[in-house]
Amino acid sequence: MATPKKYRLDKTAFKAQTFEEADSHYGSWENKTTKERLDAASYLICMAFRVKPSTKLDRVVFSKRKHG
């Protein structure tokens, strides 16, 4: 899992962009390995939902049943 030390948000790097300009950043991710992409995605998900990779899943809200 990704660690906060590995990725930092540079708040000075943002600017208003067109969709075409924002879409052009995809090329830099093509050069990354699958593991690097997944680490970055995992980190962003953890930051968005304010969880840690070690957070246990609350299974009380989930249930399973047979359809049919």
PDB file of N, CA and C in Angstrom:
ATOM      1  N   MET A   1       0.828  -1.185   0.000  1.00  0.00           N
ATOM      2  CA  MET A   1       0.000   0.000   0.000  1.00  0.00           C
ATOM      3  C   MET A   1       0.876   1.253   0.000  1.00  0.00           C
ATOM      4  N   ALA A   2       0.327   2.307  -0.496  1.00  0.00           N
ATOM      5  CA  ALA A   2       1.058   3.560  -0.576  1.00  0.00           C
ATOM      6  C   ALA A   2       1.160   4.203   0.800  1.00  0.00           C
ATOM      7  N   THR A   3       2.204   4.961   0.999  1.00  0.00           N
ATOM      8  CA  THR A   3       2.385   5.677   2.256  1.00  0.00           C
ATOM      9  C   THR A   3       2.309   7.168   1.983  1.00  0.00           C
ATOM     10  N   PRO A   4       1.844   7.937   2.962  1.00  0.00           N
ATOM     11  CA  PRO A   4       1.737   9.376   2.760  1.00  0.00           C
ATOM     12  C   PRO A   4       3.080  10.041   2.449  1.00  0.00           C
ATOM     13  N   LYS A   5       4.182   9.464   2.888  1.00  0.00           N
ATOM     14  CA  LYS A   5       5.490  10.049   2.637  1.00  0.00           C
ATOM     15  C   LYS A   5       5.862   9.977   1.161  1.00  0.00           C
ATOM     16  N   LYS A   6       5.332   8.992   0.467  1.00  0.00           N
ATOM     17  CA  LYS A   6       5.695   8.777  -0.927  1.00  0.00           C
ATOM     18  C   LYS A   6       5.028   9.786  -1.854  1.00  0.00           C
ATOM     19  N   TYR A   7       3.829  10.222  -1.527  1.00  0.00           N
ATOM     20  CA  TYR A   7       3.074  11.138  -2.370  1.00  0.00           C
ATOM     21  C   TYR A   7       2.737  12.387  -1.564  1.00  0.00           C
ATOM     22  N   ARG A   8       2.900  13.522  -2.189  1.00  0.00           N
ATOM     23  CA  ARG A   8       2.525  14.774  -1.541  1.00  0.00           C
ATOM     24  C   ARG A   8       1.742  15.611  -2.534  1.00  0.00           C
ATOM     25  N   LEU A   9       0.778  16.336  -2.052  1.00  0.00           N
ATOM     26  CA  LEU A   9      -0.031  17.196  -2.891  1.00  0.00           C
ATOM     27  C   LEU A   9       0.646  18.555  -2.984  1.00  0.00           C
ATOM     28  N   ASP A  10       1.047  18.929  -4.179  1.00  0.00           N
ATOM     29  CA  ASP A  10       1.647  20.237  -4.414  1.00  0.00           C
ATOM     30  C   ASP A  10       0.529  21.192  -4.788  1.00  0.00           C
ATOM     31  N   LYS A  11       0.078  21.988  -3.825  1.00  0.00           N
ATOM     32  CA  LYS A  11      -1.074  22.860  -4.050  1.00  0.00           C
ATOM     33  C   LYS A  11      -0.763  24.013  -4.986  1.00  0.00           C
ATOM     34  N   THR A  12       0.511  24.261  -5.259  1.00  0.00           N
ATOM     35  CA  THR A  12       0.864  25.342  -6.181  1.00  0.00           C
ATOM     36  C   THR A  12       0.859  24.866  -7.630  1.00  0.00           C
ATOM     37  N   ALA A  13       0.681  23.582  -7.848  1.00  0.00           N
ATOM     38  CA  ALA A  13       0.762  23.016  -9.199  1.00  0.00           C
ATOM     39  C   ALA A  13      -0.559  23.069  -9.953  1.00  0.00           C
ATOM     40  N   PHE A  14      -1.620  23.529  -9.341  1.00  0.00           N
ATOM     41  CA  PHE A  14      -2.920  23.512  -9.987  1.00  0.00           C
ATOM     42  C   PHE A  14      -3.222  24.830 -10.680  1.00  0.00           C
ATOM     43  N   LYS A  15      -3.911  24.742 -11.795  1.00  0.00           N
ATOM     44  CA  LYS A  15      -4.348  25.925 -12.528  1.00  0.00           C
ATOM     45  C   LYS A  15      -5.604  25.565 -13.307  1.00  0.00           C
ATOM     46  N   ALA A  16      -6.329  26.565 -13.731  1.00  0.00           N
ATOM     47  CA  ALA A  16      -7.515  26.327 -14.545  1.00  0.00           C
ATOM     48  C   ALA A  16      -7.065  25.813 -15.902  1.00  0.00           C
ATOM     49  N   GLN A  17      -7.688  24.734 -16.370  1.00  0.00           N
ATOM     50  CA  GLN A  17      -7.303  24.106 -17.625  1.00  0.00           C
ATOM     51  C   GLN A  17      -8.531  23.772 -18.450  1.00  0.00           C
ATOM     52  N   THR A  18      -8.305  23.620 -19.737  1.00  0.00           N
ATOM     53  CA  THR A  18      -9.355  23.110 -20.598  1.00  0.00           C
ATOM     54  C   THR A  18      -9.371  21.591 -20.454  1.00  0.00           C
ATOM     55  N   PHE A  19     -10.404  20.949 -20.964  1.00  0.00           N
ATOM     56  CA  PHE A  19     -10.471  19.492 -20.909  1.00  0.00           C
ATOM     57  C   PHE A  19      -9.315  18.866 -21.692  1.00  0.00           C
ATOM     58  N   GLU A  20      -8.958  19.494 -22.812  1.00  0.00           N
ATOM     59  CA  GLU A  20      -7.868  18.960 -23.634  1.00  0.00           C
ATOM     60  C   GLU A  20      -6.537  19.017 -22.887  1.00  0.00           C
ATOM     61  N   GLU A  21      -6.278  20.127 -22.185  1.00  0.00           N
ATOM     62  CA  GLU A  21      -5.035  20.258 -21.413  1.00  0.00           C
ATOM     63  C   GLU A  21      -4.990  19.238 -20.278  1.00  0.00           C
ATOM     64  N   ALA A  22      -6.103  19.077 -19.592  1.00  0.00           N
ATOM     65  CA  ALA A  22      -6.153  18.121 -18.486  1.00  0.00           C
ATOM     66  C   ALA A  22      -5.998  16.697 -18.996  1.00  0.00           C
ATOM     67  N   ASP A  23      -6.540  16.413 -20.160  1.00  0.00           N
ATOM     68  CA  ASP A  23      -6.461  15.069 -20.725  1.00  0.00           C
ATOM     69  C   ASP A  23      -5.046  14.716 -21.177  1.00  0.00           C
ATOM     70  N   SER A  24      -4.227  15.711 -21.460  1.00  0.00           N
ATOM     71  CA  SER A  24      -2.878  15.453 -21.951  1.00  0.00           C
ATOM     72  C   SER A  24      -1.966  14.866 -20.876  1.00  0.00           C
ATOM     73  N   HIS A  25      -2.360  14.897 -19.616  1.00  0.00           N
ATOM     74  CA  HIS A  25      -1.540  14.355 -18.526  1.00  0.00           C
ATOM     75  C   HIS A  25      -1.559  12.833 -18.495  1.00  0.00           C
ATOM     76  N   TYR A  26      -2.446  12.228 -19.248  1.00  0.00           N
ATOM     77  CA  TYR A  26      -2.544  10.773 -19.265  1.00  0.00           C
ATOM     78  C   TYR A  26      -1.243  10.128 -19.732  1.00  0.00           C
ATOM     79  N   GLY A  27      -0.540  10.757 -20.645  1.00  0.00           N
ATOM     80  CA  GLY A  27       0.692  10.203 -21.200  1.00  0.00           C
ATOM     81  C   GLY A  27       1.750   9.904 -20.151  1.00  0.00           C
ATOM     82  N   SER A  28       1.823  10.711 -19.099  1.00  0.00           N
ATOM     83  CA  SER A  28       2.838  10.475 -18.066  1.00  0.00           C
ATOM     84  C   SER A  28       2.554   9.195 -17.282  1.00  0.00           C
ATOM     85  N   TRP A  29       1.294   8.789 -17.202  1.00  0.00           N
ATOM     86  CA  TRP A  29       0.955   7.560 -16.474  1.00  0.00           C
ATOM     87  C   TRP A  29       1.247   6.316 -17.310  1.00  0.00           C
ATOM     88  N   GLU A  30       1.338   6.460 -18.612  1.00  0.00           N
ATOM     89  CA  GLU A  30       1.660   5.310 -19.460  1.00  0.00           C
ATOM     90  C   GLU A  30       3.060   4.783 -19.189  1.00  0.00           C
ATOM     91  N   ASN A  31       3.951   5.642 -18.713  1.00  0.00           N
ATOM     92  CA  ASN A  31       5.332   5.251 -18.434  1.00  0.00           C
ATOM     93  C   ASN A  31       5.494   4.606 -17.058  1.00  0.00           C
ATOM     94  N   LYS A  32       4.468   4.613 -16.242  1.00  0.00           N
ATOM     95  CA  LYS A  32       4.532   4.035 -14.896  1.00  0.00           C
ATOM     96  C   LYS A  32       4.208   2.548 -14.953  1.00  0.00           C
ATOM     97  N   THR A  33       4.743   1.812 -13.991  1.00  0.00           N
ATOM     98  CA  THR A  33       4.423   0.389 -13.908  1.00  0.00           C
ATOM     99  C   THR A  33       3.016   0.228 -13.340  1.00  0.00           C
ATOM    100  N   THR A  34       2.468  -0.951 -13.492  1.00  0.00           N
ATOM    101  CA  THR A  34       1.134  -1.221 -12.954  1.00  0.00           C
ATOM    102  C   THR A  34       1.125  -1.042 -11.449  1.00  0.00           C
ATOM    103  N   LYS A  35       2.178  -1.471 -10.772  1.00  0.00           N
ATOM    104  CA  LYS A  35       2.249  -1.326  -9.312  1.00  0.00           C
ATOM    105  C   LYS A  35       2.254   0.154  -8.914  1.00  0.00           C
ATOM    106  N   GLU A  36       3.002   0.991  -9.639  1.00  0.00           N
ATOM    107  CA  GLU A  36       3.039   2.422  -9.336  1.00  0.00           C
ATOM    108  C   GLU A  36       1.662   3.051  -9.522  1.00  0.00           C
ATOM    109  N   ARG A  37       0.953   2.647 -10.561  1.00  0.00           N
ATOM    110  CA  ARG A  37      -0.401   3.170 -10.801  1.00  0.00           C
ATOM    111  C   ARG A  37      -1.349   2.756  -9.681  1.00  0.00           C
ATOM    112  N   LEU A  38      -1.286   1.469  -9.291  1.00  0.00           N
ATOM    113  CA  LEU A  38      -2.168   0.978  -8.227  1.00  0.00           C
ATOM    114  C   LEU A  38      -1.837   1.616  -6.885  1.00  0.00           C
ATOM    115  N   ASP A  39      -0.556   1.837  -6.604  1.00  0.00           N
ATOM    116  CA  ASP A  39      -0.163   2.509  -5.366  1.00  0.00           C
ATOM    117  C   ASP A  39      -0.728   3.922  -5.311  1.00  0.00           C
ATOM    118  N   ALA A  40      -0.632   4.637  -6.426  1.00  0.00           N
ATOM    119  CA  ALA A  40      -1.159   6.001  -6.477  1.00  0.00           C
ATOM    120  C   ALA A  40      -2.678   6.001  -6.321  1.00  0.00           C
ATOM    121  N   ALA A  41      -3.357   5.072  -6.985  1.00  0.00           N
ATOM    122  CA  ALA A  41      -4.816   4.987  -6.884  1.00  0.00           C
ATOM    123  C   ALA A  41      -5.244   4.642  -5.464  1.00  0.00           C
ATOM    124  N   SER A  42      -4.535   3.708  -4.845  1.00  0.00           N
ATOM    125  CA  SER A  42      -4.846   3.319  -3.473  1.00  0.00           C
ATOM    126  C   SER A  42      -4.673   4.506  -2.529  1.00  0.00           C
ATOM    127  N   TYR A  43      -3.612   5.251  -2.715  1.00  0.00           N
ATOM    128  CA  TYR A  43      -3.367   6.420  -1.867  1.00  0.00           C
ATOM    129  C   TYR A  43      -4.480   7.450  -2.032  1.00  0.00           C
ATOM    130  N   LEU A  44      -4.882   7.722  -3.268  1.00  0.00           N
ATOM    131  CA  LEU A  44      -5.933   8.711  -3.507  1.00  0.00           C
ATOM    132  C   LEU A  44      -7.268   8.277  -2.909  1.00  0.00           C
ATOM    133  N   ILE A  45      -7.582   6.987  -3.003  1.00  0.00           N
ATOM    134  CA  ILE A  45      -8.816   6.468  -2.418  1.00  0.00           C
ATOM    135  C   ILE A  45      -8.774   6.609  -0.892  1.00  0.00           C
ATOM    136  N   CYS A  46      -7.638   6.273  -0.289  1.00  0.00           N
ATOM    137  CA  CYS A  46      -7.500   6.400   1.161  1.00  0.00           C
ATOM    138  C   CYS A  46      -7.661   7.852   1.603  1.00  0.00           C
ATOM    139  N   MET A  47      -7.101   8.791   0.855  1.00  0.00           N
ATOM    140  CA  MET A  47      -7.226  10.204   1.201  1.00  0.00           C
ATOM    141  C   MET A  47      -8.660  10.694   1.000  1.00  0.00           C
ATOM    142  N   ALA A  48      -9.325  10.234  -0.049  1.00  0.00           N
ATOM    143  CA  ALA A  48     -10.684  10.678  -0.337  1.00  0.00           C
ATOM    144  C   ALA A  48     -11.666  10.211   0.732  1.00  0.00           C
ATOM    145  N   PHE A  49     -11.492   8.982   1.234  1.00  0.00           N
ATOM    146  CA  PHE A  49     -12.419   8.430   2.219  1.00  0.00           C
ATOM    147  C   PHE A  49     -11.877   8.504   3.631  1.00  0.00           C
ATOM    148  N   ARG A  50     -10.712   9.138   3.807  1.00  0.00           N
ATOM    149  CA  ARG A  50     -10.090   9.337   5.123  1.00  0.00           C
ATOM    150  C   ARG A  50      -9.931   8.020   5.879  1.00  0.00           C
ATOM    151  N   VAL A  51      -9.367   7.040   5.194  1.00  0.00           N
ATOM    152  CA  VAL A  51      -9.071   5.751   5.825  1.00  0.00           C
ATOM    153  C   VAL A  51      -7.598   5.437   5.653  1.00  0.00           C
ATOM    154  N   LYS A  52      -7.144   4.479   6.417  1.00  0.00           N
ATOM    155  CA  LYS A  52      -5.777   3.996   6.292  1.00  0.00           C
ATOM    156  C   LYS A  52      -5.835   2.619   5.659  1.00  0.00           C
ATOM    157  N   PRO A  53      -4.755   2.180   5.023  1.00  0.00           N
ATOM    158  CA  PRO A  53      -4.767   0.837   4.437  1.00  0.00           C
ATOM    159  C   PRO A  53      -5.038  -0.261   5.467  1.00  0.00           C
ATOM    160  N   SER A  54      -4.740   0.008   6.731  1.00  0.00           N
ATOM    161  CA  SER A  54      -4.951  -0.988   7.776  1.00  0.00           C
ATOM    162  C   SER A  54      -6.361  -0.951   8.367  1.00  0.00           C
ATOM    163  N   THR A  55      -7.219  -0.030   7.911  1.00  0.00           N
ATOM    164  CA  THR A  55      -8.573   0.087   8.424  1.00  0.00           C
ATOM    165  C   THR A  55      -9.368  -1.174   8.107  1.00  0.00           C
ATOM    166  N   LYS A  56     -10.021  -1.711   9.122  1.00  0.00           N
ATOM    167  CA  LYS A  56     -10.830  -2.922   8.944  1.00  0.00           C
ATOM    168  C   LYS A  56     -12.157  -2.561   8.279  1.00  0.00           C
ATOM    169  N   LEU A  57     -12.632  -3.448   7.455  1.00  0.00           N
ATOM    170  CA  LEU A  57     -13.913  -3.274   6.790  1.00  0.00           C
ATOM    171  C   LEU A  57     -15.039  -3.557   7.768  1.00  0.00           C
ATOM    172  N   ASP A  58     -15.980  -2.623   7.879  1.00  0.00           N
ATOM    173  CA  ASP A  58     -17.137  -2.809   8.744  1.00  0.00           C
ATOM    174  C   ASP A  58     -18.130  -3.700   8.002  1.00  0.00           C
ATOM    175  N   ARG A  59     -18.161  -4.957   8.325  1.00  0.00           N
ATOM    176  CA  ARG A  59     -19.002  -5.914   7.612  1.00  0.00           C
ATOM    177  C   ARG A  59     -20.464  -5.907   8.075  1.00  0.00           C
ATOM    178  N   VAL A  60     -20.792  -5.067   9.042  1.00  0.00           N
ATOM    179  CA  VAL A  60     -22.165  -4.995   9.528  1.00  0.00           C
ATOM    180  C   VAL A  60     -23.077  -4.413   8.445  1.00  0.00           C
ATOM    181  N   VAL A  61     -22.581  -3.499   7.646  1.00  0.00           N
ATOM    182  CA  VAL A  61     -23.426  -2.837   6.653  1.00  0.00           C
ATOM    183  C   VAL A  61     -23.557  -3.648   5.371  1.00  0.00           C
ATOM    184  N   PHE A  62     -22.803  -4.732   5.238  1.00  0.00           N
ATOM    185  CA  PHE A  62     -22.865  -5.565   4.054  1.00  0.00           C
ATOM    186  C   PHE A  62     -23.559  -6.880   4.380  1.00  0.00           C
ATOM    187  N   SER A  63     -24.282  -7.382   3.422  1.00  0.00           N
ATOM    188  CA  SER A  63     -24.901  -8.684   3.585  1.00  0.00           C
ATOM    189  C   SER A  63     -24.899  -9.380   2.225  1.00  0.00           C
ATOM    190  N   LYS A  64     -25.090 -10.666   2.260  1.00  0.00           N
ATOM    191  CA  LYS A  64     -25.180 -11.395   0.999  1.00  0.00           C
ATOM    192  C   LYS A  64     -26.415 -12.271   1.021  1.00  0.00           C
ATOM    193  N   ARG A  65     -26.975 -12.488  -0.152  1.00  0.00           N
ATOM    194  CA  ARG A  65     -28.159 -13.318  -0.272  1.00  0.00           C
ATOM    195  C   ARG A  65     -28.178 -13.951  -1.645  1.00  0.00           C
ATOM    196  N   LYS A  66     -28.945 -14.978  -1.778  1.00  0.00           N
ATOM    197  CA  LYS A  66     -29.073 -15.646  -3.060  1.00  0.00           C
ATOM    198  C   LYS A  66     -30.171 -14.976  -3.870  1.00  0.00           C
ATOM    199  N   HIS A  67     -29.884 -14.782  -5.129  1.00  0.00           N
ATOM    200  CA  HIS A  67     -30.903 -14.274  -6.049  1.00  0.00           C
ATOM    201  C   HIS A  67     -31.481 -15.448  -6.794  1.00  0.00           C
ATOM    202  N   GLY A  68     -32.764 -15.547  -6.838  1.00  0.00           N
ATOM    203  CA  GLY A  68     -33.291 -16.634  -7.636  1.00  0.00           C
ATOM    204  C   GLY A  68     -34.508 -17.213  -7.167  1.00  0.00           C
TER     205      GLY A  68
END
